[in-house]
């Protein structure tokens, strides 16, 4: 799950029909890019997704510094600093401690 910090109006979006149903804030990977759903949509229904913005992503119990590349883990459904087997989100815009539930990142297309 993710929260678009800047609001959709200040973000870059695209239209895409995902193969599964999504809810607003769901994170998907499409064609090697991390996207965040703007609203709910059924499977196969065209929806608006954010591909460039400041976004708060859920993360696990790891510390992540500022200006660090961050990745989306499909298996855990969380952001991580580990590149192995994950899809790049962008870079962090502020540090997150191990106790933080989220990390703020600059989402950018790959």
Foldseek 3Di string as FASTA:
>chain_A
DKDFPVDPVPFDKDKDQAQAWDAAQQWDADPLAIWGFHGTDGHRDIGMTTQWGWMKWFAAQAKDAFFQWWWADPVVRTIDSDPPPTGTQATFHGIDHSPDGITIGGGHTD
